[in-house]
Amino acid sequence: MPLTSTTPGRLWIVATPLGNPGDFSPRAREIVQRADAVLCEDTRRTGLLFSQCGLHARRLVSFHDRNEQEKQEEALRRLREGQELALVSDAGTPLVADPGYRLVRACRAEGIPVSPVPGPSAPVAALSAAGLPPLPYTFLGFLPRDDGGRRQTLAAFARTPGSLVFFERKDRLTASLAVAAELLGPREAAICRELTKTHEEFILFRLENHAALAPDLLGEVTVILGPPESPARASEAEARACLRRLAAEGGASVRPKALARQAQERLTGWSVKELYDLLTHTAEQDA
């Protein structure tokens, strides 16, 4: 689509403080004040942050995961007209587990300049101060809400070398750590909460001992799981092959539950229930 102005505007991707207003960089402050509009997840939260920092934005525009598609065209129109827009998240660096990727992609496709204004980032801040191996690391964003989605996500990264970093809601933290311990095996771990805030805390523990943690941790949480220390979870293909092999050795008389128990003794990271479900699901597909 042709630009309506010979001089398109610019989209600024502006990092904001995680909690301490003092981390708002001078460059970020200057840009959000001069921008024609600031796109933000929560206008009230961003407005409060700007007020605490003594900043005045010309206009705050709601831009979150539920209205991103609707608001994107308006943002592009403004940019085509030569306006400057600043995109911020509720805290930290935008697009890192926050909306905005599609807008940036659309700008790139139209030749509209996009520039980052670096600053705070929760995954990097957590890795820098937790004392767990920081490189390599894989950032998983927020884990899925449902148990099946969590299992699928964590299992896919069970063999990944290096640390895993993810965000989690306080009410789902216990369940996520339990699944991680089951699928990923023994390893170091850290819960990094309230980063840069008054009650900042780093809780270092062994993943296999997660049940000993206090269940009522408050605040926003970044979790780091250290590198694997033992053989990682066997792949689904390996699990299926093991089940087929045991079935061939034992014959048709071996009950599915017994096969699942035998396979569980030979495979890393699989529970008897998961193997039983895999066995019965495979049998249904073959029927």
Protein backbone atom coordinates (compact mmCIF):
# COMPACT_ATOMS: atom_id res chain seq x y z
CA MET A 1 0.00 0.00 0.00
CA PRO A 2 1.54 3.37 -0.96
CA LEU A 3 2.34 5.84 1.79
CA THR A 4 0.18 8.96 1.94
CA SER A 5 3.17 11.06 2.99
CA THR A 6 6.60 11.35 1.42
CA THR A 7 8.00 11.35 4.96
CA PRO A 8 6.46 8.54 7.03
CA GLY A 9 6.50 8.73 10.76
CA ARG A 10 8.35 6.39 13.07
CA LEU A 11 7.29 3.72 15.52
CA TRP A 12 9.36 3.73 18.70
CA ILE A 13 9.49 0.55 20.80
CA VAL A 14 10.07 2.00 24.27
CA ALA A 15 11.11 -0.02 27.33
CA THR A 16 9.60 1.15 30.62
CA PRO A 17 10.56 0.38 34.25
CA LEU A 18 9.75 -3.00 35.76
CA GLY A 19 8.93 -1.30 39.05
CA ASN A 20 11.47 1.37 39.92
CA PRO A 21 10.68 4.70 38.18
CA GLY A 22 14.38 5.56 38.30
CA ASP A 23 15.00 3.01 35.55
CA PHE A 24 13.11 5.11 32.99
CA SER A 25 15.93 6.30 30.71
CA PRO A 26 16.26 9.96 29.68
CA ARG A 27 15.88 8.99 26.01
CA ALA A 28 12.71 7.00 26.71
CA ARG A 29 11.28 9.92 28.67
CA GLU A 30 11.98 12.35 25.83
CA ILE A 31 10.39 10.11 23.20
CA VAL A 32 7.14 9.32 25.03
CA GLN A 33 6.61 13.06 25.67
CA ARG A 34 7.19 14.15 22.10
CA ALA A 35 5.30 11.26 20.45
CA ASP A 36 1.96 12.12 18.89
CA ALA A 37 0.47 9.14 20.74
CA VAL A 38 1.63 6.39 23.10
CA LEU A 39 0.22 2.92 22.48
CA CYS A 40 -0.08 1.07 25.79
CA GLU A 41 -1.63 -2.10 27.21
CA ASP A 42 -3.39 -0.31 30.07
CA THR A 43 -3.85 3.47 29.77
CA ARG A 44 -4.52 3.83 33.50
CA ARG A 45 -1.38 1.96 34.49
CA THR A 46 0.79 3.80 31.98
CA GLY A 47 -0.79 7.12 32.96
CA LEU A 48 0.05 6.44 36.61
CA LEU A 49 3.65 5.56 35.71
CA PHE A 50 4.04 8.75 33.68
CA SER A 51 2.56 10.78 36.53
CA GLN A 52 5.02 9.23 39.01
CA CYS A 53 7.86 10.10 36.67
CA GLY A 54 6.65 13.65 36.05
CA LEU A 55 5.91 12.95 32.37
CA HIS A 56 3.10 14.26 30.21
CA ALA A 57 2.14 12.35 27.07
CA ARG A 58 0.08 14.01 24.34
CA ARG A 59 -2.26 11.07 24.05
CA LEU A 60 -2.52 7.53 25.47
CA VAL A 61 -4.12 4.92 23.20
CA SER A 62 -5.23 1.50 24.39
CA PHE A 63 -3.36 -1.24 22.50
CA HIS A 64 -3.52 -4.75 23.95
CA ASP A 65 -3.92 -8.35 22.82
CA ARG A 66 -7.73 -8.09 22.60
CA ASN A 67 -7.89 -4.98 20.40
CA GLU A 68 -4.53 -5.16 18.61
CA GLN A 69 -6.00 -6.03 15.22
CA GLU A 70 -8.63 -3.30 15.49
CA LYS A 71 -6.16 -0.61 16.60
CA GLN A 72 -3.39 -1.58 14.19
CA GLU A 73 -4.92 0.10 11.15
CA GLU A 74 -5.42 3.35 13.05
CA ALA A 75 -1.77 3.25 14.15
CA LEU A 76 -0.61 2.60 10.59
CA ARG A 77 -2.72 5.49 9.31
CA ARG A 78 -1.10 7.84 11.78
CA LEU A 79 2.35 6.61 10.84
CA ARG A 80 1.64 6.99 7.11
CA GLU A 81 0.65 10.60 7.82
CA GLY A 82 4.06 11.24 9.35
CA GLN A 83 3.21 10.97 13.04
CA GLU A 84 5.53 9.49 15.65
CA LEU A 85 4.10 6.73 17.86
CA ALA A 86 5.63 5.16 20.95
CA LEU A 87 4.69 1.59 21.87
CA VAL A 88 5.08 0.63 25.53
CA SER A 89 4.06 -2.39 27.62
CA ASP A 90 2.83 -2.35 31.22
CA ALA A 91 6.43 -2.93 32.31
CA GLY A 92 9.72 -3.80 30.64
CA THR A 93 10.49 -4.20 26.96
CA PRO A 94 7.49 -4.35 24.57
CA LEU A 95 6.84 -7.46 22.43
CA VAL A 96 8.61 -9.69 25.00
CA ALA A 97 5.45 -11.65 25.95
CA ASP A 98 3.39 -8.56 25.05
CA PRO A 99 1.41 -7.42 21.96
CA GLY A 100 3.01 -5.44 19.13
CA TYR A 101 4.69 -7.97 16.86
CA ARG A 102 2.05 -7.67 14.13
CA LEU A 103 2.24 -3.90 14.10
CA VAL A 104 6.03 -3.95 13.80
CA ARG A 105 5.78 -6.50 10.99
CA ALA A 106 3.23 -4.35 9.15
CA CYS A 107 5.48 -1.29 9.50
CA ARG A 108 8.42 -3.20 8.08
CA ALA A 109 6.31 -4.34 5.15
CA GLU A 110 5.35 -0.71 4.35
CA GLY A 111 8.80 0.75 4.86
CA ILE A 112 7.79 2.68 7.99
CA PRO A 113 10.81 3.09 10.30
CA VAL A 114 10.77 1.17 13.59
CA SER A 115 13.36 1.93 16.26
CA PRO A 116 13.95 0.34 19.68
CA VAL A 117 14.58 2.37 22.81
CA PRO A 118 16.28 -0.27 25.00
CA GLY A 119 15.79 -0.56 28.70
CA PRO A 120 14.49 -2.88 31.42
CA SER A 121 13.60 -6.49 30.58
CA ALA A 122 12.39 -8.94 33.24
CA PRO A 123 14.02 -12.09 31.76
CA VAL A 124 17.40 -10.38 31.46
CA ALA A 125 17.12 -8.74 34.88
CA ALA A 126 16.27 -12.08 36.49
CA LEU A 127 19.12 -13.92 34.76
CA SER A 128 21.62 -11.22 35.68
CA ALA A 129 21.03 -11.50 39.43
CA ALA A 130 19.81 -15.06 40.11
CA GLY A 131 23.17 -16.80 39.98
CA LEU A 132 22.04 -19.55 37.59
CA PRO A 133 23.84 -20.13 34.27
CA PRO A 134 22.69 -17.25 32.01
CA LEU A 135 23.89 -18.63 28.67
CA PRO A 136 22.43 -20.10 26.67
CA TYR A 137 18.86 -19.45 27.75
CA THR A 138 15.44 -19.91 26.18
CA PHE A 139 12.56 -17.58 27.00
CA LEU A 140 9.13 -19.24 26.95
CA GLY A 141 6.93 -16.24 27.76
CA PHE A 142 3.83 -17.15 29.78
CA LEU A 143 3.14 -20.88 30.02
CA PRO A 144 -0.28 -22.04 28.78
CA ARG A 145 -3.05 -21.94 31.37
CA ASP A 146 -4.21 -25.54 30.94
CA ASP A 147 -2.29 -28.56 32.19
CA GLY A 148 -2.07 -30.16 28.75
CA GLY A 149 -0.63 -26.99 27.22
CA ARG A 150 1.93 -26.63 30.01
CA ARG A 151 3.02 -30.23 29.56
CA GLN A 152 3.32 -29.88 25.81
CA THR A 153 5.37 -26.69 26.09
CA LEU A 154 7.77 -27.92 28.75
CA ALA A 155 8.20 -31.34 27.14
CA ALA A 156 9.19 -29.66 23.87
CA PHE A 157 12.09 -27.92 25.65
CA ALA A 158 13.12 -30.80 27.92
CA ARG A 159 16.24 -31.51 25.86
CA THR A 160 17.18 -27.85 25.37
CA PRO A 161 20.63 -27.08 26.78
CA GLY A 162 20.90 -24.06 29.04
CA SER A 163 18.36 -22.36 31.27
CA LEU A 164 14.64 -21.96 30.64
CA VAL A 165 12.96 -18.69 31.62
CA PHE A 166 9.23 -18.06 31.80
CA PHE A 167 6.62 -15.82 33.41
CA GLU A 168 3.93 -17.32 35.61
CA ARG A 169 0.86 -16.14 37.47
CA LYS A 170 1.08 -16.64 41.22
CA ASP A 171 -2.07 -18.82 41.25
CA ARG A 172 -0.59 -21.21 38.67
CA LEU A 173 2.99 -21.30 39.93
CA THR A 174 2.63 -24.43 42.10
CA ALA A 175 1.06 -26.46 39.29
CA SER A 176 3.64 -25.32 36.74
CA LEU A 177 6.58 -26.20 38.98
CA ALA A 178 5.10 -29.65 39.64
CA VAL A 179 4.79 -30.35 35.91
CA ALA A 180 8.30 -28.99 35.30
CA ALA A 181 9.77 -31.25 37.99
CA GLU A 182 8.05 -34.27 36.50
CA LEU A 183 9.05 -33.62 32.89
CA LEU A 184 12.44 -31.92 33.20
CA GLY A 185 14.06 -33.77 36.09
CA PRO A 186 16.42 -32.51 38.81
CA ARG A 187 17.94 -29.08 38.26
CA GLU A 188 18.57 -25.74 39.92
CA ALA A 189 15.78 -23.20 39.84
CA ALA A 190 14.95 -19.66 40.90
CA ILE A 191 11.80 -17.67 41.49
CA CYS A 192 12.46 -13.98 40.88
CA ARG A 193 9.64 -11.82 42.18
CA GLU A 194 8.90 -8.11 42.34
CA LEU A 195 12.01 -7.26 40.31
CA THR A 196 13.41 -3.77 41.06
CA LYS A 197 10.57 -3.13 43.55
CA THR A 198 10.72 -2.62 47.30
CA HIS A 199 10.02 -6.28 48.08
CA GLU A 200 12.29 -7.77 45.40
CA GLU A 201 13.20 -11.37 46.20
CA PHE A 202 15.23 -14.18 44.62
CA ILE A 203 14.29 -17.65 45.88
CA LEU A 204 16.84 -20.29 44.88
CA PHE A 205 15.84 -23.94 45.20
CA ARG A 206 16.05 -27.39 43.65
CA LEU A 207 13.24 -28.06 41.21
CA GLU A 208 12.67 -31.54 42.65
CA ASN A 209 12.05 -29.87 46.05
CA HIS A 210 9.46 -27.41 44.75
CA ALA A 211 6.78 -28.71 47.12
CA ALA A 212 8.65 -27.14 50.06
CA LEU A 213 8.11 -23.61 48.70
CA ALA A 214 5.58 -21.33 50.34
CA PRO A 215 2.31 -21.63 48.36
CA ASP A 216 1.29 -17.99 48.83
CA LEU A 217 4.08 -16.10 47.05
CA LEU A 218 2.82 -12.69 45.99
CA GLY A 219 3.80 -10.35 43.18
CA GLU A 220 4.84 -10.78 39.59
CA VAL A 221 7.04 -13.83 39.07
CA THR A 222 9.81 -14.73 36.64
CA VAL A 223 10.96 -18.35 36.88
CA ILE A 224 14.39 -19.65 35.85
CA LEU A 225 15.03 -23.38 35.48
CA GLY A 226 18.71 -24.20 35.25
CA PRO A 227 20.29 -26.50 32.63
CA PRO A 228 19.45 -30.24 32.66
CA GLU A 229 21.48 -32.32 35.10
CA SER A 230 20.24 -35.75 34.05
CA PRO A 231 19.00 -37.34 30.84
CA ALA A 232 16.04 -35.33 29.59
CA ARG A 233 12.55 -36.62 28.88
CA ALA A 234 12.46 -39.18 26.11
CA SER A 235 10.65 -38.08 22.97
CA GLU A 236 7.18 -39.31 22.09
CA ALA A 237 8.66 -41.29 19.20
CA GLU A 238 11.00 -43.06 21.64
CA ALA A 239 8.10 -43.77 23.99
CA ARG A 240 6.00 -45.27 21.20
CA ALA A 241 8.93 -47.40 20.03
CA CYS A 242 9.51 -48.66 23.57
CA LEU A 243 5.84 -49.58 23.99
CA ARG A 244 5.79 -51.42 20.68
CA ARG A 245 8.94 -53.33 21.59
CA LEU A 246 7.60 -54.39 24.99
CA ALA A 247 4.26 -55.39 23.46
CA ALA A 248 6.04 -57.56 20.90
CA GLU A 249 8.13 -59.20 23.61
CA GLY A 250 5.21 -59.84 25.96
CA GLY A 251 2.54 -60.75 23.46
CA ALA A 252 -1.14 -59.90 23.45
CA SER A 253 -1.66 -61.25 26.96
CA VAL A 254 0.18 -58.34 28.62
CA ARG A 255 -2.27 -55.78 29.95
CA PRO A 256 -1.83 -52.12 28.84
CA LYS A 257 -1.25 -50.98 32.44
CA ALA A 258 1.56 -53.49 32.88
CA LEU A 259 3.13 -52.41 29.60
CA ALA A 260 2.99 -48.79 30.72
CA ARG A 261 4.74 -49.67 34.00
CA GLN A 262 7.48 -51.58 32.18
CA ALA A 263 8.02 -48.73 29.75
CA GLN A 264 8.13 -46.16 32.57
CA GLU A 265 11.11 -48.00 34.07
CA ARG A 266 12.98 -47.66 30.77
CA LEU A 267 12.06 -44.09 29.79
CA THR A 268 13.08 -40.79 31.36
CA GLY A 269 10.47 -38.16 32.17
CA TRP A 270 7.30 -40.21 31.49
CA SER A 271 4.67 -41.17 34.06
CA VAL A 272 2.78 -44.47 33.95
CA LYS A 273 -0.46 -42.59 33.25
CA GLU A 274 1.04 -40.72 30.29
CA LEU A 275 2.37 -43.96 28.80
CA TYR A 276 -0.94 -45.72 29.38
CA ASP A 277 -2.79 -42.87 27.65
CA LEU A 278 -0.31 -42.94 24.78
CA LEU A 279 -0.70 -46.71 24.43
CA THR A 280 -4.49 -46.68 24.45
CA HIS A 281 -4.67 -43.66 22.11
CA THR A 282 -2.37 -45.42 19.64
CA ALA A 283 -4.49 -48.55 19.82
CA GLU A 284 -7.63 -46.51 19.07
CA GLN A 285 -5.97 -44.94 16.04
CA ASP A 286 -4.86 -48.34 14.73
CA ALA A 287 -8.32 -49.86 15.21
